[in-house]
Amino acid sequence: MDMVSEVFGYSLDPATGSLTKRRISDVQEFANKSCGFGSMVKCGVLKREVVPVAYCENDGLKLVYIAGNKYNFTDGNLRAVRRAPAPFIRSFVISKSSAVQLKLRYWFFGIREWPDDGDIFSLIIRNTA
């Protein structure tokens, strides 16, 4: 990290699920107040759109916010999976029983996107399993 340049983070509005990008003046203070991760993900294979995605744990709840929708993984009724239907394409699915609640497809090359070469969806799967 370049300490001279500005650092940015996202603030989540839990009521609407919207992410707001904002400048961080104190990285440590921001990390101490943080309860999760957020990312703007380019979804779609042919027609692409930027989708806000956030995962947070707060007061014992495991919450996922995607495009303004909230998914509560706390009670174990929801399941998230990430698949590779084709080379460089990933799908992320949230389901309840056998009913699909959300399905996203996106391009994924796995190069320097996250420390484990995953993405925010792989983080969600690890933390909600």
Protein backbone atom coordinates (compact mmCIF):
# COMPACT_ATOMS: atom_id res chain seq x y z
CA MET A 1 0.00 0.00 0.00
CA ASP A 2 1.26 3.47 -0.87
CA MET A 3 0.90 5.57 2.27
CA VAL A 4 0.99 8.79 0.22
CA SER A 5 -1.97 8.02 -2.02
CA GLU A 6 -5.57 8.07 -0.86
CA VAL A 7 -7.09 4.83 0.35
CA PHE A 8 -10.73 3.99 -0.25
CA GLY A 9 -13.23 1.70 1.44
CA TYR A 10 -16.97 1.03 1.29
CA SER A 11 -19.63 1.91 3.82
CA LEU A 12 -22.73 -0.28 3.88
CA ASP A 13 -26.19 1.06 4.61
CA PRO A 14 -27.86 -1.98 6.22
CA ALA A 15 -31.34 -0.61 5.57
CA THR A 16 -30.92 -0.41 1.79
CA GLY A 17 -27.93 -2.69 1.17
CA SER A 18 -26.18 0.04 -0.80
CA LEU A 19 -22.41 0.47 -0.77
CA THR A 20 -20.85 3.92 -0.79
CA LYS A 21 -17.21 4.36 -1.71
CA ARG A 22 -15.44 6.75 0.64
CA ARG A 23 -11.97 7.98 1.38
CA ILE A 24 -10.28 6.50 4.44
CA SER A 25 -8.02 8.82 6.36
CA ASP A 26 -7.03 6.27 9.04
CA VAL A 27 -6.78 2.69 7.76
CA GLN A 28 -6.47 1.16 11.24
CA GLU A 29 -9.51 3.02 12.57
CA PHE A 30 -11.53 1.90 9.53
CA ALA A 31 -10.41 -1.72 10.05
CA ASN A 32 -11.34 -1.59 13.74
CA LYS A 33 -14.88 -0.39 12.91
CA SER A 34 -15.32 -2.81 10.02
CA CYS A 35 -17.55 -5.86 10.31
CA GLY A 36 -17.05 -7.25 6.81
CA PHE A 37 -16.00 -6.81 3.22
CA GLY A 38 -17.49 -5.14 0.18
CA SER A 39 -16.72 -5.14 -3.51
CA MET A 40 -18.15 -3.84 -6.76
CA VAL A 41 -18.32 -6.90 -9.03
CA LYS A 42 -18.75 -6.78 -12.81
CA CYS A 43 -21.44 -9.41 -13.40
CA GLY A 44 -22.81 -10.80 -16.63
CA VAL A 45 -21.04 -12.58 -19.46
CA LEU A 46 -22.33 -10.69 -22.50
CA LYS A 47 -24.15 -7.75 -20.93
CA ARG A 48 -22.09 -6.63 -17.94
CA GLU A 49 -23.19 -4.50 -15.02
CA VAL A 50 -21.50 -3.49 -11.79
CA VAL A 51 -23.16 -5.13 -8.79
CA PRO A 52 -22.45 -4.09 -5.18
CA VAL A 53 -21.67 -7.11 -2.98
CA ALA A 54 -21.03 -7.06 0.76
CA TYR A 55 -20.52 -9.68 3.47
CA CYS A 56 -20.65 -8.79 7.15
CA GLU A 57 -20.89 -10.41 10.54
CA ASN A 58 -22.51 -8.34 13.23
CA ASP A 59 -24.15 -9.32 16.53
CA GLY A 60 -23.94 -13.01 15.60
CA LEU A 61 -25.58 -12.50 12.19
CA LYS A 62 -24.00 -13.57 8.89
CA LEU A 63 -25.42 -11.21 6.28
CA VAL A 64 -24.84 -10.92 2.54
CA TYR A 65 -26.00 -7.89 0.57
CA ILE A 66 -26.10 -8.15 -3.22
CA ALA A 67 -27.60 -5.46 -5.46
CA GLY A 68 -29.69 -4.09 -2.59
CA ASN A 69 -31.03 -7.50 -1.49
CA LYS A 70 -30.21 -8.92 1.95
CA TYR A 71 -29.58 -12.63 2.55
CA ASN A 72 -29.37 -13.86 6.15
CA PHE A 73 -27.21 -16.98 6.41
CA THR A 74 -27.43 -17.15 10.21
CA ASP A 75 -30.11 -19.83 10.54
CA GLY A 76 -28.56 -22.21 7.98
CA ASN A 77 -31.52 -22.23 5.56
CA LEU A 78 -29.55 -20.59 2.75
CA ARG A 79 -26.68 -22.15 0.81
CA ALA A 80 -24.13 -20.44 -1.42
CA VAL A 81 -22.15 -22.20 -4.15
CA ARG A 82 -19.65 -21.03 -6.73
CA ARG A 83 -19.12 -23.04 -9.91
CA ALA A 84 -17.09 -22.86 -13.11
CA PRO A 85 -19.51 -23.60 -15.97
CA ALA A 86 -16.89 -22.68 -18.60
CA PRO A 87 -13.25 -21.57 -18.68
CA PHE A 88 -12.86 -18.11 -17.07
CA ILE A 89 -16.58 -17.95 -16.22
CA ARG A 90 -17.91 -18.40 -12.70
CA SER A 91 -21.44 -18.60 -11.38
CA PHE A 92 -22.51 -17.75 -7.86
CA VAL A 93 -25.81 -19.13 -6.62
CA ILE A 94 -27.74 -18.62 -3.40
CA SER A 95 -30.49 -21.17 -2.82
CA LYS A 96 -33.00 -22.03 -0.14
CA SER A 97 -33.84 -25.73 -0.15
CA SER A 98 -33.84 -26.35 -3.90
CA ALA A 99 -35.20 -22.94 -4.91
CA VAL A 100 -32.67 -20.55 -6.44
CA GLN A 101 -32.82 -17.13 -4.76
CA LEU A 102 -30.00 -15.51 -6.78
CA LYS A 103 -27.79 -16.52 -9.68
CA LEU A 104 -24.95 -14.42 -11.07
CA ARG A 105 -22.43 -15.20 -13.81
CA TYR A 106 -19.20 -13.31 -14.26
CA TRP A 107 -15.78 -13.43 -15.89
CA PHE A 108 -13.04 -14.62 -13.54
CA PHE A 109 -9.34 -14.96 -14.29
CA GLY A 110 -8.13 -15.58 -10.73
CA ILE A 111 -5.11 -13.33 -10.93
CA ARG A 112 -4.42 -11.04 -7.96
CA GLU A 113 -8.10 -10.47 -7.26
CA TRP A 114 -7.98 -11.56 -3.60
CA PRO A 115 -5.13 -12.94 -1.49
CA ASP A 116 -6.25 -16.54 -2.15
CA ASP A 117 -6.93 -15.87 -5.86
CA GLY A 118 -10.61 -16.19 -5.07
CA ASP A 119 -13.08 -13.32 -4.90
CA ILE A 120 -15.72 -11.94 -2.55
CA PHE A 121 -18.00 -14.83 -3.53
CA SER A 122 -15.46 -17.43 -2.39
CA LEU A 123 -15.13 -15.48 0.88
CA ILE A 124 -18.91 -15.60 1.32
CA ILE A 125 -18.97 -19.36 0.72
CA ARG A 126 -16.16 -20.02 3.23
CA ASN A 127 -17.79 -17.91 5.94
CA THR A 128 -21.37 -19.13 5.51
CA ALA A 129 -20.71 -22.88 5.12
